[in-house]
C-alpha atoms as a PDB file:
ATOM      1  CA  MET A   1       0.000   0.000   0.000  1.00  0.00           C
ATOM      2  CA  ALA A   2       2.767   2.448   0.947  1.00  0.00           C
ATOM      3  CA  ASN A   3       4.576   1.735  -2.326  1.00  0.00           C
ATOM      4  CA  LEU A   4       1.354   2.480  -4.231  1.00  0.00           C
ATOM      5  CA  VAL A   5       1.249   5.911  -2.577  1.00  0.00           C
ATOM      6  CA  THR A   6       4.829   6.528  -3.724  1.00  0.00           C
ATOM      7  CA  LEU A   7       3.918   5.410  -7.247  1.00  0.00           C
ATOM      8  CA  SER A   8       0.817   7.633  -7.334  1.00  0.00           C
ATOM      9  CA  ARG A   9       3.020  10.547  -6.284  1.00  0.00           C
ATOM     10  CA  LEU A  10       5.167   9.991  -9.359  1.00  0.00           C
ATOM     11  CA  LEU A  11       2.100   9.867 -11.612  1.00  0.00           C
ATOM     12  CA  LEU A  12       0.908  13.186 -10.176  1.00  0.00           C
ATOM     13  CA  LEU A  13       4.368  14.566 -10.870  1.00  0.00           C
ATOM     14  CA  LEU A  14       3.859  13.861 -14.591  1.00  0.00           C
ATOM     15  CA  LEU A  15       0.631  15.879 -14.463  1.00  0.00           C
ATOM     16  CA  VAL A  16       2.444  18.768 -12.757  1.00  0.00           C
ATOM     17  CA  VAL A  17       5.144  18.785 -15.441  1.00  0.00           C
ATOM     18  CA  TRP A  18       2.507  18.728 -18.189  1.00  0.00           C
ATOM     19  CA  ILE A  19       0.685  21.718 -16.661  1.00  0.00           C
ATOM     20  CA  PHE A  20       3.946  23.693 -16.415  1.00  0.00           C
ATOM     21  CA  TYR A  21       4.338  23.516 -20.195  1.00  0.00           C
ATOM     22  CA  GLN A  22       0.750  24.400 -21.101  1.00  0.00           C
ATOM     23  CA  PRO A  23      -0.341  27.940 -22.081  1.00  0.00           C
ATOM     24  CA  LEU A  24      -1.159  30.021 -19.018  1.00  0.00           C
ATOM     25  CA  SER A  25      -4.752  29.632 -17.831  1.00  0.00           C
ATOM     26  CA  PRO A  26      -6.618  29.388 -14.517  1.00  0.00           C
ATOM     27  CA  TRP A  27      -5.649  25.696 -14.558  1.00  0.00           C
ATOM     28  CA  SER A  28      -2.022  26.751 -14.130  1.00  0.00           C
ATOM     29  CA  PHE A  29      -2.810  27.496 -10.487  1.00  0.00           C
ATOM     30  CA  ALA A  30      -3.552  23.789  -9.980  1.00  0.00           C
ATOM     31  CA  ASN A  31       0.178  23.116  -9.780  1.00  0.00           C
ATOM     32  CA  PHE A  32       0.371  25.095  -6.537  1.00  0.00           C
ATOM     33  CA  PHE A  33      -2.029  22.660  -4.863  1.00  0.00           C
ATOM     34  CA  LEU A  34      -0.753  19.529  -6.607  1.00  0.00           C
ATOM     35  CA  ILE A  35       2.815  20.175  -5.497  1.00  0.00           C
ATOM     36  CA  ILE A  36       1.722  20.658  -1.889  1.00  0.00           C
ATOM     37  CA  PHE A  37      -0.285  17.421  -2.092  1.00  0.00           C
ATOM     38  CA  ILE A  38       2.716  15.536  -3.513  1.00  0.00           C
ATOM     39  CA  PHE A  39       4.906  16.608  -0.599  1.00  0.00           C
ATOM     40  CA  VAL A  40       2.220  15.924   2.007  1.00  0.00           C
ATOM     41  CA  SER A  41       1.723  12.424   0.587  1.00  0.00           C
ATOM     42  CA  ASP A  42       5.482  11.880   0.895  1.00  0.00           C
ATOM     43  CA  GLY A  43       4.999  11.650   4.653  1.00  0.00           C
ATOM     44  CA  LEU A  44       1.844   9.598   4.211  1.00  0.00           C
ATOM     45  CA  ASP A  45       3.548   6.598   2.621  1.00  0.00           C
ATOM     46  CA  GLY A  46       5.963   6.260   5.547  1.00  0.00           C
ATOM     47  CA  TYR A  47       3.088   6.504   8.027  1.00  0.00           C
ATOM     48  CA  ILE A  48       1.114   3.826   6.149  1.00  0.00           C
ATOM     49  CA  ALA A  49       4.158   1.537   6.008  1.00  0.00           C
ATOM     50  CA  ARG A  50       4.659   1.772   9.773  1.00  0.00           C
ATOM     51  CA  LYS A  51       0.943   1.478  10.538  1.00  0.00           C
ATOM     52  CA  ARG A  52       0.486  -1.615   8.359  1.00  0.00           C
ATOM     53  CA  ASN A  53       3.876  -3.057   9.331  1.00  0.00           C
ATOM     54  CA  GLU A  54       4.995  -2.950   5.703  1.00  0.00           C
ATOM     55  CA  THR A  55       8.428  -1.448   6.302  1.00  0.00           C
ATOM     56  CA  SER A  56      11.147  -3.001   4.167  1.00  0.00           C
ATOM     57  CA  LEU A  57      14.514  -2.172   2.648  1.00  0.00           C
ATOM     58  CA  PHE A  58      12.923  -2.024  -0.809  1.00  0.00           C
ATOM     59  CA  GLY A  59      10.224   0.340   0.439  1.00  0.00           C
ATOM     60  CA  ALA A  60      12.812   2.646   2.012  1.00  0.00           C
ATOM     61  CA  LEU A  61      14.902   2.712  -1.168  1.00  0.00           C
ATOM     62  CA  PHE A  62      11.822   3.176  -3.367  1.00  0.00           C
ATOM     63  CA  ASP A  63      10.686   6.084  -1.195  1.00  0.00           C
ATOM     64  CA  ILE A  64      14.098   7.756  -1.515  1.00  0.00           C
ATOM     65  CA  ALA A  65      14.074   7.144  -5.282  1.00  0.00           C
ATOM     66  CA  GLY A  66      10.597   8.681  -5.499  1.00  0.00           C
ATOM     67  CA  ASP A  67      11.730  11.725  -3.529  1.00  0.00           C
ATOM     68  CA  ARG A  68      14.768  12.149  -5.724  1.00  0.00           C
ATOM     69  CA  ILE A  69      12.818  11.792  -8.981  1.00  0.00           C
ATOM     70  CA  THR A  70      10.280  14.346  -7.744  1.00  0.00           C
ATOM     71  CA  GLU A  71      12.721  17.006  -6.636  1.00  0.00           C
ATOM     72  CA  LEU A  72      15.143  16.637  -9.553  1.00  0.00           C
ATOM     73  CA  THR A  73      12.333  16.735 -12.095  1.00  0.00           C
ATOM     74  CA  LEU A  74      10.867  19.889 -10.562  1.00  0.00           C
ATOM     75  CA  TRP A  75      14.258  21.621 -10.296  1.00  0.00           C
ATOM     76  CA  ILE A  76      15.084  20.793 -13.921  1.00  0.00           C
ATOM     77  CA  VAL A  77      11.688  22.026 -15.125  1.00  0.00           C
ATOM     78  CA  ALA A  78      12.080  25.212 -13.065  1.00  0.00           C
ATOM     79  CA  ALA A  79      15.479  25.837 -14.669  1.00  0.00           C
ATOM     80  CA  ASP A  80      14.168  25.029 -18.139  1.00  0.00           C
ATOM     81  CA  ILE A  81      11.393  27.625 -17.876  1.00  0.00           C
ATOM     82  CA  ASP A  82      13.796  30.205 -16.415  1.00  0.00           C
ATOM     83  CA  LEU A  83      12.524  30.238 -12.835  1.00  0.00           C
ATOM     84  CA  VAL A  84      15.857  29.242 -11.244  1.00  0.00           C
ATOM     85  CA  PRO A  85      19.473  29.359 -12.502  1.00  0.00           C
ATOM     86  CA  ILE A  86      20.830  26.125 -13.953  1.00  0.00           C
ATOM     87  CA  TRP A  87      23.352  25.676 -11.135  1.00  0.00           C
ATOM     88  CA  VAL A  88      20.499  24.968  -8.691  1.00  0.00           C
ATOM     89  CA  PRO A  89      19.421  21.645 -10.243  1.00  0.00           C
ATOM     90  CA  LEU A  90      23.084  20.786 -10.857  1.00  0.00           C
ATOM     91  CA  VAL A  91      23.760  21.031  -7.107  1.00  0.00           C
ATOM     92  CA  PHE A  92      20.891  18.652  -6.384  1.00  0.00           C
ATOM     93  CA  ILE A  93      21.871  16.230  -9.142  1.00  0.00           C
ATOM     94  CA  ILE A  94      25.539  16.015  -8.115  1.00  0.00           C
ATOM     95  CA  ARG A  95      24.747  15.750  -4.402  1.00  0.00           C
ATOM     96  CA  GLY A  96      21.973  13.232  -5.080  1.00  0.00           C
ATOM     97  CA  VAL A  97      24.107  10.931  -7.219  1.00  0.00           C
ATOM     98  CA  ILE A  98      26.989  10.891  -4.733  1.00  0.00           C
ATOM     99  CA  VAL A  99      24.925  10.527  -1.561  1.00  0.00           C
ATOM    100  CA  ASP A 100      22.355   8.073  -2.888  1.00  0.00           C
ATOM    101  CA  THR A 101      25.088   5.840  -4.312  1.00  0.00           C
ATOM    102  CA  ILE A 102      26.787   5.716  -0.917  1.00  0.00           C
ATOM    103  CA  ARG A 103      23.587   5.202   1.040  1.00  0.00           C
ATOM    104  CA  SER A 104      22.083   2.616  -1.293  1.00  0.00           C
ATOM    105  CA  SER A 105      25.232   0.493  -1.523  1.00  0.00           C
ATOM    106  CA  ASN A 106      25.711   0.566   2.238  1.00  0.00           C
ATOM    107  CA  ALA A 107      22.028  -0.149   2.866  1.00  0.00           C
ATOM    108  CA  VAL A 108      22.133  -3.218   0.646  1.00  0.00           C
ATOM    109  CA  ALA A 109      25.420  -4.395   2.173  1.00  0.00           C
ATOM    110  CA  GLU A 110      24.203  -3.994   5.759  1.00  0.00           C
ATOM    111  CA  GLY A 111      20.544  -4.789   5.146  1.00  0.00           C
ATOM    112  CA  VAL A 112      19.167  -1.727   6.916  1.00  0.00           C
ATOM    113  CA  ALA A 113      17.240   1.365   5.859  1.00  0.00           C
ATOM    114  CA  PRO A 114      19.481   4.143   4.496  1.00  0.00           C
ATOM    115  CA  PHE A 115      18.640   6.642   7.259  1.00  0.00           C
ATOM    116  CA  ALA A 116      19.648   4.055   9.869  1.00  0.00           C
ATOM    117  CA  LEU A 117      23.232   4.045   8.571  1.00  0.00           C
ATOM    118  CA  MET A 118      24.293   7.305  10.195  1.00  0.00           C
ATOM    119  CA  ARG A 119      26.589   6.758  13.170  1.00  0.00           C
ATOM    120  CA  SER A 120      27.606  10.162  14.541  1.00  0.00           C
ATOM    121  CA  PRO A 121      25.127  12.206  16.641  1.00  0.00           C
ATOM    122  CA  LEU A 122      25.511  15.177  14.278  1.00  0.00           C
ATOM    123  CA  GLY A 123      24.949  12.964  11.238  1.00  0.00           C
ATOM    124  CA  LYS A 124      21.859  11.407  12.799  1.00  0.00           C
ATOM    125  CA  PHE A 125      20.442  14.852  13.567  1.00  0.00           C
ATOM    126  CA  ILE A 126      21.133  16.452  10.171  1.00  0.00           C
ATOM    127  CA  VAL A 127      20.424  13.461   7.937  1.00  0.00           C
ATOM    128  CA  ALA A 128      18.041  11.198   9.853  1.00  0.00           C
ATOM    129  CA  GLY A 129      16.573  13.568  12.441  1.00  0.00           C
ATOM    130  CA  LYS A 130      12.849  14.193  12.074  1.00  0.00           C
ATOM    131  CA  PHE A 131      13.142  17.961  12.598  1.00  0.00           C
ATOM    132  CA  VAL A 132      15.658  18.544   9.786  1.00  0.00           C
ATOM    133  CA  ARG A 133      13.897  16.115   7.445  1.00  0.00           C
ATOM    134  CA  ILE A 134      10.580  17.925   7.962  1.00  0.00           C
ATOM    135  CA  LEU A 135      12.265  21.326   7.570  1.00  0.00           C
ATOM    136  CA  TYR A 136      13.851  20.177   4.302  1.00  0.00           C
ATOM    137  CA  ALA A 137      10.542  18.841   2.977  1.00  0.00           C
ATOM    138  CA  VAL A 138       8.699  22.037   3.949  1.00  0.00           C
ATOM    139  CA  ALA A 139      11.401  24.201   2.337  1.00  0.00           C
ATOM    140  CA  LYS A 140      11.172  22.277  -0.945  1.00  0.00           C
ATOM    141  CA  ALA A 141       7.376  22.238  -0.917  1.00  0.00           C
ATOM    142  CA  ALA A 142       7.288  26.002  -0.310  1.00  0.00           C
ATOM    143  CA  ALA A 143       9.927  26.597  -3.002  1.00  0.00           C
ATOM    144  CA  PHE A 144       8.221  24.519  -5.694  1.00  0.00           C
ATOM    145  CA  SER A 145       4.677  25.680  -4.926  1.00  0.00           C
ATOM    146  CA  GLY A 146       5.914  29.285  -4.912  1.00  0.00           C
ATOM    147  CA  LEU A 147       7.685  28.786  -8.230  1.00  0.00           C
ATOM    148  CA  ALA A 148       4.443  27.405  -9.649  1.00  0.00           C
ATOM    149  CA  LEU A 149       2.860  30.834  -9.067  1.00  0.00           C
ATOM    150  CA  GLN A 150       5.621  32.985 -10.572  1.00  0.00           C
ATOM    151  CA  LYS A 151       4.233  32.976 -14.127  1.00  0.00           C
ATOM    152  CA  PRO A 152       0.442  32.489 -13.895  1.00  0.00           C
ATOM    153  CA  PHE A 153      -0.076  34.900 -10.995  1.00  0.00           C
ATOM    154  CA  PRO A 154       1.270  38.099 -12.693  1.00  0.00           C
ATOM    155  CA  ALA A 155      -0.218  37.123 -16.060  1.00  0.00           C
ATOM    156  CA  LEU A 156      -3.717  36.254 -14.868  1.00  0.00           C
ATOM    157  CA  LEU A 157      -4.080  38.402 -11.733  1.00  0.00           C
ATOM    158  CA  PRO A 158      -1.852  41.422 -12.437  1.00  0.00           C
ATOM    159  CA  GLU A 159      -3.563  43.808 -10.012  1.00  0.00           C
ATOM    160  CA  ILE A 160      -3.234  41.479  -7.039  1.00  0.00           C
ATOM    161  CA  TRP A 161       0.302  40.521  -8.084  1.00  0.00           C
ATOM    162  CA  SER A 162       1.429  44.150  -8.220  1.00  0.00           C
ATOM    163  CA  LYS A 163       0.561  44.508  -4.537  1.00  0.00           C
ATOM    164  CA  THR A 164       1.886  41.155  -3.310  1.00  0.00           C
ATOM    165  CA  ASP A 165       4.796  40.319  -5.631  1.00  0.00           C
ATOM    166  CA  TRP A 166       7.358  41.348  -2.989  1.00  0.00           C
ATOM    167  CA  PHE A 167       6.010  38.661  -0.675  1.00  0.00           C
ATOM    168  CA  PHE A 168       5.579  35.830  -3.193  1.00  0.00           C
ATOM    169  CA  VAL A 169       8.891  36.439  -4.954  1.00  0.00           C
ATOM    170  CA  GLY A 170      10.860  37.020  -1.747  1.00  0.00           C
ATOM    171  CA  SER A 171       9.466  34.050   0.159  1.00  0.00           C
ATOM    172  CA  THR A 172       9.725  31.721  -2.834  1.00  0.00           C
ATOM    173  CA  TYR A 173      13.408  32.367  -3.475  1.00  0.00           C
ATOM    174  CA  PHE A 174      14.178  32.338   0.230  1.00  0.00           C
ATOM    175  CA  PHE A 175      12.922  28.748   0.300  1.00  0.00           C
ATOM    176  CA  VAL A 176      14.701  27.915  -2.966  1.00  0.00           C
ATOM    177  CA  TYR A 177      18.093  28.864  -1.524  1.00  0.00           C
ATOM    178  CA  LEU A 178      17.282  27.415   1.898  1.00  0.00           C
ATOM    179  CA  SER A 179      16.616  24.132   0.088  1.00  0.00           C
ATOM    180  CA  VAL A 180      20.028  24.372  -1.597  1.00  0.00           C
ATOM    181  CA  VAL A 181      21.771  24.981   1.742  1.00  0.00           C
ATOM    182  CA  LEU A 182      19.940  22.090   3.424  1.00  0.00           C
ATOM    183  CA  CYS A 183      20.659  19.821   0.460  1.00  0.00           C
ATOM    184  CA  ILE A 184      24.398  20.384   0.805  1.00  0.00           C
ATOM    185  CA  ALA A 185      24.333  20.285   4.616  1.00  0.00           C
ATOM    186  CA  ARG A 186      22.491  16.942   4.661  1.00  0.00           C
ATOM    187  CA  GLY A 187      24.862  15.422   2.142  1.00  0.00           C
ATOM    188  CA  LEU A 188      28.135  16.301   3.855  1.00  0.00           C
ATOM    189  CA  PRO A 189      27.727  13.964   6.899  1.00  0.00           C
ATOM    190  CA  VAL A 190      26.981  10.997   4.606  1.00  0.00           C
ATOM    191  CA  ILE A 191      30.128  11.641   2.576  1.00  0.00           C
ATOM    192  CA  ALA A 192      32.242  12.323   5.682  1.00  0.00           C
ATOM    193  CA  GLU A 193      31.165   9.095   7.402  1.00  0.00           C
ATOM    194  CA  PHE A 194      31.736   7.095   4.210  1.00  0.00           C
ATOM    195  CA  VAL A 195      35.277   8.466   3.815  1.00  0.00           C
ATOM    196  CA  SER A 196      35.972   7.794   7.503  1.00  0.00           C
ATOM    197  CA  ALA A 197      34.674   4.216   7.205  1.00  0.00           C
ATOM    198  CA  GLN A 198      36.838   3.592   4.142  1.00  0.00           C
ATOM    199  CA  LYS A 199      39.945   4.825   5.954  1.00  0.00           C
ATOM    200  CA  SER A 200      39.156   2.599   8.941  1.00  0.00           C
ATOM    201  CA  ASP A 201      38.652  -0.382   6.634  1.00  0.00           C
ATOM    202  CA  ILE A 202      42.040   0.196   5.011  1.00  0.00           C
ATOM    203  CA  LEU A 203      43.736   0.372   8.419  1.00  0.00           C
ATOM    204  CA  ARG A 204      42.121  -2.913   9.483  1.00  0.00           C
ATOM    205  CA  ARG A 205      43.235  -4.863   6.413  1.00  0.00           C
ATOM    206  CA  PRO A 206      45.621  -7.762   7.191  1.00  0.00           C
ATOM    207  CA  GLY A 207      49.245  -7.241   6.239  1.00  0.00           C
ATOM    208  CA  ARG A 208      49.139  -3.470   6.480  1.00  0.00           C
ATOM    209  CA  ARG A 209      52.370  -2.037   7.823  1.00  0.00           C
ATOM    210  CA  GLN A 210      52.104  -0.216  11.108  1.00  0.00           C
END
């Protein structure tokens, strides 16, 4: 059931992308609500998995893959329609490839969920801690839903936009760059612990000179 929620999220994502590339109309505002729903349902699949005792390594990896597909697709679309500079999606792509490769390979090797791999207290707080994970999700949801308004709002409701643009533009790009900062901050502990583990493994190898 939880995996079906993740899959439905990805299908909704295709609808969001399609709407982004349609001529501006009142339907363009639908993306604001669809994006919020997609991010709210991201927490729903984990709740359902725990409630129905359906937690599994595959489910955890599928959930992470769904999150990554969602955010990378939306960042790339936002860059393609000139809402964010191209370096923004590049940061998420590079960080995502590096971190997800480390986490997925370690999760398969150790047979545990990726978020359970963090060892240091700081790493657990930044990467696996509920507060930071929720903050990151809220920042991305606010960024993407705000970006969804940047073109239809001024085109279709110019009078209202002229009085509120400072708020919608300012808050949207605040959350865009907060998302970038959190993306990098949450990736660094994973990389640091991986490098540390590799060094420890080399030191433990038989025959190494002391």
